[in-house]
Amino acid sequence: MAVPKRKTSRSNTRSRRANWKAPVVTVTECPQCHAPMRPHTACPSCGMYQGRHYAEAERTEHQG
C-alpha cells in the first residue's frame, strides 16, 4: 500500500480545500409575475409553471 513519504503541508492542504465551494443558486424571472424563481419549478409567488397553474401562491399578507 502506498504511504506518503512526507507530511502534507498546511498550505497545500488549504489550497486543495479552497475549491470546496457551494454552487451558486440559479435564479430566473417568472414570465407572469416577474418574481425571482428557481428554473424548472413552479413560481412561489403566483404558482404558475409553463403557463399553467400548479401550486397555491404563498400568502404574503399577515392574518392576525
C-alpha atoms as a PDB file:
ATOM      1  CA  MET A   1       0.000   0.000   0.000  1.00  0.00           C
ATOM      2  CA  ALA A   2       1.310   3.456  -0.888  1.00  0.00           C
ATOM      3  CA  VAL A   3       2.205   5.648   2.049  1.00  0.00           C
ATOM      4  CA  PRO A   4       3.167   9.337   1.749  1.00  0.00           C
ATOM      5  CA  LYS A   5       6.854   9.949   2.391  1.00  0.00           C
ATOM      6  CA  ARG A   6       6.310  13.408   3.876  1.00  0.00           C
ATOM      7  CA  LYS A   7       3.536  15.166   5.784  1.00  0.00           C
ATOM      8  CA  THR A   8       1.292  17.288   3.534  1.00  0.00           C
ATOM      9  CA  SER A   9       1.987  20.919   4.359  1.00  0.00           C
ATOM     10  CA  ARG A  10      -0.688  23.221   5.732  1.00  0.00           C
ATOM     11  CA  SER A  11      -0.587  25.452   2.636  1.00  0.00           C
ATOM     12  CA  ASN A  12      -1.056  22.505   0.269  1.00  0.00           C
ATOM     13  CA  THR A  13      -3.946  21.191   2.333  1.00  0.00           C
ATOM     14  CA  ARG A  14      -5.639  24.590   2.453  1.00  0.00           C
ATOM     15  CA  SER A  15      -5.117  25.239  -1.275  1.00  0.00           C
ATOM     16  CA  ARG A  16      -6.731  21.916  -2.083  1.00  0.00           C
ATOM     17  CA  ARG A  17      -9.686  22.702   0.189  1.00  0.00           C
ATOM     18  CA  ALA A  18     -10.082  26.188  -1.299  1.00  0.00           C
ATOM     19  CA  ASN A  19     -12.087  24.631  -4.145  1.00  0.00           C
ATOM     20  CA  TRP A  20     -14.759  23.160  -1.844  1.00  0.00           C
ATOM     21  CA  LYS A  21     -17.294  25.858  -2.661  1.00  0.00           C
ATOM     22  CA  ALA A  22     -21.063  25.601  -2.684  1.00  0.00           C
ATOM     23  CA  PRO A  23     -22.532  26.133  -6.171  1.00  0.00           C
ATOM     24  CA  VAL A  24     -24.239  29.436  -6.910  1.00  0.00           C
ATOM     25  CA  VAL A  25     -28.037  29.103  -6.922  1.00  0.00           C
ATOM     26  CA  THR A  26     -29.507  29.818 -10.369  1.00  0.00           C
ATOM     27  CA  VAL A  27     -32.412  32.261 -10.308  1.00  0.00           C
ATOM     28  CA  THR A  28     -34.644  33.201 -13.249  1.00  0.00           C
ATOM     29  CA  GLU A  29     -37.559  35.600 -13.614  1.00  0.00           C
ATOM     30  CA  CYS A  30     -41.161  34.392 -13.675  1.00  0.00           C
ATOM     31  CA  PRO A  31     -42.726  35.306 -17.045  1.00  0.00           C
ATOM     32  CA  GLN A  32     -46.122  36.044 -15.431  1.00  0.00           C
ATOM     33  CA  CYS A  33     -45.361  37.995 -12.237  1.00  0.00           C
ATOM     34  CA  HIS A  34     -41.622  38.752 -12.807  1.00  0.00           C
ATOM     35  CA  ALA A  35     -40.692  37.462  -9.348  1.00  0.00           C
ATOM     36  CA  PRO A  36     -37.357  35.632  -8.878  1.00  0.00           C
ATOM     37  CA  MET A  37     -37.723  31.846  -9.005  1.00  0.00           C
ATOM     38  CA  ARG A  38     -35.659  28.672  -9.454  1.00  0.00           C
ATOM     39  CA  PRO A  39     -35.676  27.323 -13.024  1.00  0.00           C
ATOM     40  CA  HIS A  40     -37.930  24.331 -13.869  1.00  0.00           C
ATOM     41  CA  THR A  41     -40.085  24.811 -10.751  1.00  0.00           C
ATOM     42  CA  ALA A  42     -43.446  26.426 -10.076  1.00  0.00           C
ATOM     43  CA  CYS A  43     -43.228  30.105  -9.145  1.00  0.00           C
ATOM     44  CA  PRO A  44     -43.550  30.559  -5.364  1.00  0.00           C
ATOM     45  CA  SER A  45     -45.343  33.890  -5.849  1.00  0.00           C
ATOM     46  CA  CYS A  46     -48.045  33.052  -8.412  1.00  0.00           C
ATOM     47  CA  GLY A  47     -47.892  29.233  -8.633  1.00  0.00           C
ATOM     48  CA  MET A  48     -47.530  29.162 -12.430  1.00  0.00           C
ATOM     49  CA  TYR A  49     -45.224  26.853 -14.403  1.00  0.00           C
ATOM     50  CA  GLN A  50     -45.057  26.881 -18.211  1.00  0.00           C
ATOM     51  CA  GLY A  51     -48.309  28.837 -18.487  1.00  0.00           C
ATOM     52  CA  ARG A  52     -50.330  26.534 -16.202  1.00  0.00           C
ATOM     53  CA  HIS A  53     -51.402  26.953 -12.590  1.00  0.00           C
ATOM     54  CA  TYR A  54     -49.779  24.200 -10.491  1.00  0.00           C
ATOM     55  CA  ALA A  55     -49.367  25.401  -6.913  1.00  0.00           C
ATOM     56  CA  GLU A  56     -51.052  27.681  -4.442  1.00  0.00           C
ATOM     57  CA  ALA A  57     -49.312  31.025  -4.058  1.00  0.00           C
ATOM     58  CA  GLU A  58     -47.750  31.843  -0.698  1.00  0.00           C
ATOM     59  CA  ARG A  59     -49.724  34.250   1.434  1.00  0.00           C
ATOM     60  CA  THR A  60     -47.742  37.438   1.980  1.00  0.00           C
ATOM     61  CA  GLU A  61     -50.298  39.462   3.957  1.00  0.00           C
ATOM     62  CA  HIS A  62     -50.425  38.998   7.716  1.00  0.00           C
ATOM     63  CA  GLN A  63     -53.544  37.310   9.039  1.00  0.00           C
ATOM     64  CA  GLY A  64     -53.871  38.340  12.629  1.00  0.00           C
END
